[in-house]
């Protein structure tokens, strides 16, 4: 059902909170930025913990937005 949610966002049927946009952009930038809080090169797989954390925060905000969208559908 997430694809319907994304389609609704694209059609401007649902307004996503600015916080969610900021975290989404930050997650992408942080993942590909050469600067890392926990470097994978030195710590191996443990170095992915910070990347997973940033994406986890985004996943929670994405789920919250999707829930808000679904609530709006059932309210009408």
PDB file of N, CA and C in Angstrom:
ATOM      1  N   UNK A   1       0.803  -1.210   0.000  1.00  0.00           N
ATOM      2  CA  UNK A   1       0.000   0.000   0.000  1.00  0.00           C
ATOM      3  C   UNK A   1       0.847   1.276   0.000  1.00  0.00           C
ATOM      4  N   UNK A   2       2.158   1.138   0.255  1.00  0.00           N
ATOM      5  CA  UNK A   2       2.997   2.321   0.312  1.00  0.00           C
ATOM      6  C   UNK A   2       3.074   3.022  -1.029  1.00  0.00           C
ATOM      7  N   UNK A   3       2.896   2.273  -2.123  1.00  0.00           N
ATOM      8  CA  UNK A   3       2.960   2.899  -3.449  1.00  0.00           C
ATOM      9  C   UNK A   3       1.765   3.822  -3.654  1.00  0.00           C
ATOM     10  N   UNK A   4       0.609   3.491  -3.070  1.00  0.00           N
ATOM     11  CA  UNK A   4      -0.549   4.397  -3.166  1.00  0.00           C
ATOM     12  C   UNK A   4      -0.289   5.679  -2.398  1.00  0.00           C
ATOM     13  N   UNK A   5       0.366   5.512  -1.252  1.00  0.00           N
ATOM     14  CA  UNK A   5       0.720   6.683  -0.460  1.00  0.00           C
ATOM     15  C   UNK A   5       1.666   7.591  -1.242  1.00  0.00           C
ATOM     16  N   UNK A   6       2.704   7.005  -1.856  1.00  0.00           N
ATOM     17  CA  UNK A   6       3.649   7.805  -2.646  1.00  0.00           C
ATOM     18  C   UNK A   6       2.958   8.479  -3.820  1.00  0.00           C
ATOM     19  N   UNK A   7       2.012   7.787  -4.435  1.00  0.00           N
ATOM     20  CA  UNK A   7       1.246   8.372  -5.533  1.00  0.00           C
ATOM     21  C   UNK A   7       0.419   9.564  -5.040  1.00  0.00           C
ATOM     22  N   UNK A   8      -0.161   9.428  -3.839  1.00  0.00           N
ATOM     23  CA  UNK A   8      -0.942  10.529  -3.269  1.00  0.00           C
ATOM     24  C   UNK A   8      -0.050  11.732  -2.966  1.00  0.00           C
ATOM     25  N   UNK A   9       1.161  11.475  -2.506  1.00  0.00           N
ATOM     26  CA  UNK A   9       2.099  12.577  -2.245  1.00  0.00           C
ATOM     27  C   UNK A   9       2.480  13.246  -3.562  1.00  0.00           C
ATOM     28  N   UNK A  10       2.736  12.439  -4.578  1.00  0.00           N
ATOM     29  CA  UNK A  10       3.113  12.989  -5.887  1.00  0.00           C
ATOM     30  C   UNK A  10       1.989  13.843  -6.477  1.00  0.00           C
ATOM     31  N   UNK A  11       0.757  13.410  -6.279  1.00  0.00           N
ATOM     32  CA  UNK A  11      -0.407  14.155  -6.797  1.00  0.00           C
ATOM     33  C   UNK A  11      -0.804  15.321  -5.891  1.00  0.00           C
ATOM     34  N   UNK A  12      -0.058  15.504  -4.812  1.00  0.00           N
ATOM     35  CA  UNK A  12      -0.317  16.548  -3.828  1.00  0.00           C
ATOM     36  C   UNK A  12      -1.659  16.352  -3.120  1.00  0.00           C
ATOM     37  N   UNK A  13      -2.063  15.100  -2.968  1.00  0.00           N
ATOM     38  CA  UNK A  13      -3.276  14.783  -2.221  1.00  0.00           C
ATOM     39  C   UNK A  13      -2.978  14.687  -0.725  1.00  0.00           C
ATOM     40  N   UNK A  14      -1.711  14.542  -0.382  1.00  0.00           N
ATOM     41  CA  UNK A  14      -1.289  14.496   1.014  1.00  0.00           C
ATOM     42  C   UNK A  14      -0.066  15.377   1.174  1.00  0.00           C
ATOM     43  N   UNK A  15      -0.107  16.230   2.180  1.00  0.00           N
ATOM     44  CA  UNK A  15       1.028  17.119   2.456  1.00  0.00           C
ATOM     45  C   UNK A  15       1.905  16.475   3.518  1.00  0.00           C
ATOM     46  N   UNK A  16       3.136  16.190   3.159  1.00  0.00           N
ATOM     47  CA  UNK A  16       4.092  15.560   4.060  1.00  0.00           C
ATOM     48  C   UNK A  16       4.700  16.640   4.952  1.00  0.00           C
ATOM     49  N   UNK A  17       4.857  16.307   6.227  1.00  0.00           N
ATOM     50  CA  UNK A  17       5.422  17.249   7.193  1.00  0.00           C
ATOM     51  C   UNK A  17       6.850  17.621   6.794  1.00  0.00           C
ATOM     52  N   UNK A  18       7.224  18.875   6.995  1.00  0.00           N
ATOM     53  CA  UNK A  18       8.581  19.303   6.641  1.00  0.00           C
ATOM     54  C   UNK A  18       9.665  18.488   7.353  1.00  0.00           C
ATOM     55  N   UNK A  19       9.406  18.073   8.577  1.00  0.00           N
ATOM     56  CA  UNK A  19      10.380  17.262   9.317  1.00  0.00           C
ATOM     57  C   UNK A  19      10.697  15.976   8.569  1.00  0.00           C
ATOM     58  N   UNK A  20       9.691  15.353   8.004  1.00  0.00           N
ATOM     59  CA  UNK A  20       9.892  14.113   7.265  1.00  0.00           C
ATOM     60  C   UNK A  20      10.744  14.353   6.029  1.00  0.00           C
ATOM     61  N   UNK A  21      10.500  15.454   5.330  1.00  0.00           N
ATOM     62  CA  UNK A  21      11.315  15.776   4.152  1.00  0.00           C
ATOM     63  C   UNK A  21      12.770  16.004   4.549  1.00  0.00           C
ATOM     64  N   UNK A  22      12.988  16.733   5.630  1.00  0.00           N
ATOM     65  CA  UNK A  22      14.348  17.030   6.073  1.00  0.00           C
ATOM     66  C   UNK A  22      15.084  15.739   6.440  1.00  0.00           C
ATOM     67  N   UNK A  23      14.412  14.856   7.175  1.00  0.00           N
ATOM     68  CA  UNK A  23      15.049  13.598   7.572  1.00  0.00           C
ATOM     69  C   UNK A  23      15.312  12.720   6.351  1.00  0.00           C
ATOM     70  N   UNK A  24      14.405  12.703   5.383  1.00  0.00           N
ATOM     71  CA  UNK A  24      14.612  11.907   4.166  1.00  0.00           C
ATOM     72  C   UNK A  24      15.838  12.394   3.407  1.00  0.00           C
ATOM     73  N   UNK A  25      15.950  13.690   3.247  1.00  0.00           N
ATOM     74  CA  UNK A  25      17.107  14.256   2.536  1.00  0.00           C
ATOM     75  C   UNK A  25      18.380  14.003   3.329  1.00  0.00           C
ATOM     76  N   UNK A  26      18.309  14.183   4.639  1.00  0.00           N
ATOM     77  CA  UNK A  26      19.477  13.952   5.488  1.00  0.00           C
ATOM     78  C   UNK A  26      19.922  12.490   5.437  1.00  0.00           C
ATOM     79  N   UNK A  27      18.983  11.556   5.393  1.00  0.00           N
ATOM     80  CA  UNK A  27      19.333  10.138   5.329  1.00  0.00           C
ATOM     81  C   UNK A  27      20.087   9.817   4.047  1.00  0.00           C
ATOM     82  N   UNK A  28      19.617  10.354   2.936  1.00  0.00           N
ATOM     83  CA  UNK A  28      20.286  10.103   1.656  1.00  0.00           C
ATOM     84  C   UNK A  28      21.673  10.744   1.645  1.00  0.00           C
ATOM     85  N   UNK A  29      21.755  11.997   2.067  1.00  0.00           N
ATOM     86  CA  UNK A  29      23.042  12.691   2.071  1.00  0.00           C
ATOM     87  C   UNK A  29      24.011  12.001   3.019  1.00  0.00           C
ATOM     88  N   UNK A  30      23.554  11.648   4.212  1.00  0.00           N
ATOM     89  CA  UNK A  30      24.439  11.026   5.203  1.00  0.00           C
ATOM     90  C   UNK A  30      24.946   9.666   4.730  1.00  0.00           C
ATOM     91  N   UNK A  31      24.101   8.939   4.025  1.00  0.00           N
ATOM     92  CA  UNK A  31      24.497   7.624   3.534  1.00  0.00           C
ATOM     93  C   UNK A  31      25.634   7.726   2.517  1.00  0.00           C
ATOM     94  N   UNK A  32      25.586   8.733   1.662  1.00  0.00           N
ATOM     95  CA  UNK A  32      26.586   8.852   0.607  1.00  0.00           C
ATOM     96  C   UNK A  32      27.705   9.842   0.906  1.00  0.00           C
ATOM     97  N   UNK A  33      27.616  10.557   2.033  1.00  0.00           N
ATOM     98  CA  UNK A  33      28.658  11.522   2.389  1.00  0.00           C
ATOM     99  C   UNK A  33      29.921  10.789   2.839  1.00  0.00           C
ATOM    100  N   UNK A  34      31.077  11.342   2.526  1.00  0.00           N
ATOM    101  CA  UNK A  34      32.324  10.680   2.937  1.00  0.00           C
ATOM    102  C   UNK A  34      32.589  10.797   4.440  1.00  0.00           C
ATOM    103  N   UNK A  35      31.874  11.688   5.122  1.00  0.00           N
ATOM    104  CA  UNK A  35      32.049  11.857   6.565  1.00  0.00           C
ATOM    105  C   UNK A  35      31.061  10.935   7.282  1.00  0.00           C
ATOM    106  N   UNK A  36      31.550  10.212   8.273  1.00  0.00           N
ATOM    107  CA  UNK A  36      30.724   9.235   8.973  1.00  0.00           C
ATOM    108  C   UNK A  36      31.028   9.291  10.463  1.00  0.00           C
ATOM    109  N   UNK A  37      30.009   9.196  11.301  1.00  0.00           N
ATOM    110  CA  UNK A  37      30.236   9.170  12.743  1.00  0.00           C
ATOM    111  C   UNK A  37      30.933   7.889  13.172  1.00  0.00           C
ATOM    112  N   UNK A  38      30.492   6.781  12.610  1.00  0.00           N
ATOM    113  CA  UNK A  38      31.115   5.488  12.888  1.00  0.00           C
ATOM    114  C   UNK A  38      31.611   4.946  11.546  1.00  0.00           C
ATOM    115  N   UNK A  39      32.905   5.102  11.233  1.00  0.00           N
ATOM    116  CA  UNK A  39      33.408   4.707   9.912  1.00  0.00           C
ATOM    117  C   UNK A  39      33.430   3.195   9.699  1.00  0.00           C
ATOM    118  N   UNK A  40      32.884   2.771   8.573  1.00  0.00           N
ATOM    119  CA  UNK A  40      32.860   1.356   8.221  1.00  0.00           C
ATOM    120  C   UNK A  40      34.262   0.819   7.972  1.00  0.00           C
ATOM    121  N   UNK A  41      35.128   1.667   7.455  1.00  0.00           N
ATOM    122  CA  UNK A  41      36.480   1.247   7.126  1.00  0.00           C
ATOM    123  C   UNK A  41      37.250   0.782   8.371  1.00  0.00           C
ATOM    124  N   UNK A  42      37.008   1.448   9.483  1.00  0.00           N
ATOM    125  CA  UNK A  42      37.715   1.092  10.712  1.00  0.00           C
ATOM    126  C   UNK A  42      36.996   0.024  11.542  1.00  0.00           C
ATOM    127  N   UNK A  43      35.686   0.071  11.572  1.00  0.00           N
ATOM    128  CA  UNK A  43      34.916  -0.803  12.459  1.00  0.00           C
ATOM    129  C   UNK A  43      34.136  -1.898  11.738  1.00  0.00           C
ATOM    130  N   UNK A  44      34.272  -1.984  10.452  1.00  0.00           N
ATOM    131  CA  UNK A  44      33.586  -3.042   9.705  1.00  0.00           C
ATOM    132  C   UNK A  44      32.073  -2.910   9.777  1.00  0.00           C
ATOM    133  N   UNK A  45      31.383  -4.039   9.941  1.00  0.00           N
ATOM    134  CA  UNK A  45      29.912  -4.023   9.954  1.00  0.00           C
ATOM    135  C   UNK A  45      29.314  -3.137  11.042  1.00  0.00           C
ATOM    136  N   UNK A  46      30.020  -2.963  12.155  1.00  0.00           N
ATOM    137  CA  UNK A  46      29.517  -2.088  13.217  1.00  0.00           C
ATOM    138  C   UNK A  46      29.395  -0.647  12.724  1.00  0.00           C
ATOM    139  N   UNK A  47      30.164  -0.300  11.726  1.00  0.00           N
ATOM    140  CA  UNK A  47      30.122   1.047  11.173  1.00  0.00           C
ATOM    141  C   UNK A  47      28.816   1.388  10.476  1.00  0.00           C
ATOM    142  N   UNK A  48      28.027   0.391  10.152  1.00  0.00           N
ATOM    143  CA  UNK A  48      26.738   0.647   9.512  1.00  0.00           C
ATOM    144  C   UNK A  48      25.651   1.003  10.519  1.00  0.00           C
ATOM    145  N   UNK A  49      25.945   0.928  11.804  1.00  0.00           N
ATOM    146  CA  UNK A  49      24.940   1.193  12.844  1.00  0.00           C
ATOM    147  C   UNK A  49      24.387   2.611  12.736  1.00  0.00           C
ATOM    148  N   UNK A  50      25.232   3.595  12.502  1.00  0.00           N
ATOM    149  CA  UNK A  50      24.737   4.961  12.392  1.00  0.00           C
ATOM    150  C   UNK A  50      23.887   5.159  11.142  1.00  0.00           C
ATOM    151  N   UNK A  51      24.281   4.525  10.033  1.00  0.00           N
ATOM    152  CA  UNK A  51      23.478   4.612   8.807  1.00  0.00           C
ATOM    153  C   UNK A  51      22.101   3.971   9.021  1.00  0.00           C
ATOM    154  N   UNK A  52      22.092   2.813   9.654  1.00  0.00           N
ATOM    155  CA  UNK A  52      20.826   2.128   9.927  1.00  0.00           C
ATOM    156  C   UNK A  52      19.958   2.960  10.859  1.00  0.00           C
ATOM    157  N   UNK A  53      20.587   3.636  11.813  1.00  0.00           N
ATOM    158  CA  UNK A  53      19.836   4.497  12.728  1.00  0.00           C
ATOM    159  C   UNK A  53      19.148   5.644  12.012  1.00  0.00           C
ATOM    160  N   UNK A  54      19.864   6.292  11.113  1.00  0.00           N
ATOM    161  CA  UNK A  54      19.274   7.406  10.354  1.00  0.00           C
ATOM    162  C   UNK A  54      18.121   6.905   9.493  1.00  0.00           C
ATOM    163  N   UNK A  55      18.308   5.768   8.832  1.00  0.00           N
ATOM    164  CA  UNK A  55      17.235   5.212   7.998  1.00  0.00           C
ATOM    165  C   UNK A  55      16.075   4.708   8.851  1.00  0.00           C
ATOM    166  N   UNK A  56      16.373   4.252  10.072  1.00  0.00           N
ATOM    167  CA  UNK A  56      15.307   3.825  10.987  1.00  0.00           C
ATOM    168  C   UNK A  56      14.420   4.989  11.398  1.00  0.00           C
ATOM    169  N   UNK A  57      15.046   6.126  11.673  1.00  0.00           N
ATOM    170  CA  UNK A  57      14.274   7.322  12.009  1.00  0.00           C
ATOM    171  C   UNK A  57      13.400   7.727  10.829  1.00  0.00           C
ATOM    172  N   UNK A  58      13.961   7.688   9.626  1.00  0.00           N
ATOM    173  CA  UNK A  58      13.161   8.015   8.440  1.00  0.00           C
ATOM    174  C   UNK A  58      12.013   7.031   8.265  1.00  0.00           C
ATOM    175  N   UNK A  59      12.266   5.742   8.492  1.00  0.00           N
ATOM    176  CA  UNK A  59      11.203   4.731   8.344  1.00  0.00           C
ATOM    177  C   UNK A  59      10.056   4.993   9.317  1.00  0.00           C
ATOM    178  N   UNK A  60      10.386   5.391  10.534  1.00  0.00           N
ATOM    179  CA  UNK A  60       9.331   5.699  11.510  1.00  0.00           C
ATOM    180  C   UNK A  60       8.517   6.912  11.074  1.00  0.00           C
ATOM    181  N   UNK A  61       9.183   7.948  10.582  1.00  0.00           N
ATOM    182  CA  UNK A  61       8.467   9.133  10.119  1.00  0.00           C
ATOM    183  C   UNK A  61       7.639   8.830   8.871  1.00  0.00           C
ATOM    184  N   UNK A  62       8.167   7.998   7.983  1.00  0.00           N
ATOM    185  CA  UNK A  62       7.427   7.593   6.781  1.00  0.00           C
ATOM    186  C   UNK A  62       6.159   6.842   7.186  1.00  0.00           C
ATOM    187  N   UNK A  63       6.287   5.933   8.152  1.00  0.00           N
ATOM    188  CA  UNK A  63       5.118   5.170   8.627  1.00  0.00           C
ATOM    189  C   UNK A  63       4.097   6.108   9.267  1.00  0.00           C
ATOM    190  N   UNK A  64       4.579   7.104  10.006  1.00  0.00           N
ATOM    191  CA  UNK A  64       3.660   8.077  10.619  1.00  0.00           C
ATOM    192  C   UNK A  64       2.892   8.847   9.550  1.00  0.00           C
ATOM    193  N   UNK A  65       3.608   9.268   8.492  1.00  0.00           N
ATOM    194  CA  UNK A  65       2.947   9.994   7.401  1.00  0.00           C
ATOM    195  C   UNK A  65       1.927   9.115   6.694  1.00  0.00           C
ATOM    196  N   UNK A  66       2.292   7.868   6.478  1.00  0.00           N
ATOM    197  CA  UNK A  66       1.366   6.955   5.816  1.00  0.00           C
ATOM    198  C   UNK A  66       0.125   6.735   6.672  1.00  0.00           C
ATOM    199  N   UNK A  67       0.301   6.632   7.972  1.00  0.00           N
ATOM    200  CA  UNK A  67      -0.833   6.469   8.880  1.00  0.00           C
ATOM    201  C   UNK A  67      -1.726   7.713   8.850  1.00  0.00           C
ATOM    202  N   UNK A  68      -1.102   8.913   8.836  1.00  0.00           N
ATOM    203  CA  UNK A  68      -1.888  10.149   8.730  1.00  0.00           C
ATOM    204  C   UNK A  68      -2.711  10.164   7.444  1.00  0.00           C
ATOM    205  N   UNK A  69      -2.098   9.713   6.360  1.00  0.00           N
ATOM    206  CA  UNK A  69      -2.785   9.681   5.068  1.00  0.00           C
ATOM    207  C   UNK A  69      -3.968   8.713   5.113  1.00  0.00           C
ATOM    208  N   UNK A  70      -3.746   7.523   5.652  1.00  0.00           N
ATOM    209  CA  UNK A  70      -4.814   6.528   5.740  1.00  0.00           C
ATOM    210  C   UNK A  70      -5.939   7.012   6.648  1.00  0.00           C
ATOM    211  N   UNK A  71      -5.603   7.698   7.726  1.00  0.00           N
ATOM    212  CA  UNK A  71      -6.626   8.239   8.624  1.00  0.00           C
ATOM    213  C   UNK A  71      -7.478   9.253   7.896  1.00  0.00           C
ATOM    214  N   UNK A  72      -6.853  10.035   7.043  1.00  0.00           N
ATOM    215  CA  UNK A  72      -7.598  11.017   6.260  1.00  0.00           C
ATOM    216  C   UNK A  72      -8.538  10.378   5.263  1.00  0.00           C
ATOM    217  N   UNK A  73      -8.161   9.205   4.744  1.00  0.00           N
ATOM    218  CA  UNK A  73      -9.039   8.507   3.806  1.00  0.00           C
ATOM    219  C   UNK A  73     -10.277   7.964   4.494  1.00  0.00           C
ATOM    220  N   UNK A  74     -10.108   7.438   5.691  1.00  0.00           N
ATOM    221  CA  UNK A  74     -11.250   6.837   6.403  1.00  0.00           C
ATOM    222  C   UNK A  74     -12.132   7.910   7.012  1.00  0.00           C
ATOM    223  N   UNK A  75     -11.610   9.137   7.215  1.00  0.00           N
ATOM    224  CA  UNK A  75     -12.408  10.210   7.806  1.00  0.00           C
ATOM    225  C   UNK A  75     -13.429  10.766   6.811  1.00  0.00           C
ATOM    226  N   UNK A  76     -13.140  10.610   5.528  1.00  0.00           N
ATOM    227  CA  UNK A  76     -14.055  11.169   4.520  1.00  0.00           C
ATOM    228  C   UNK A  76     -15.134  10.243   4.198  1.00  0.00           C
TER     229      UNK A  76
END
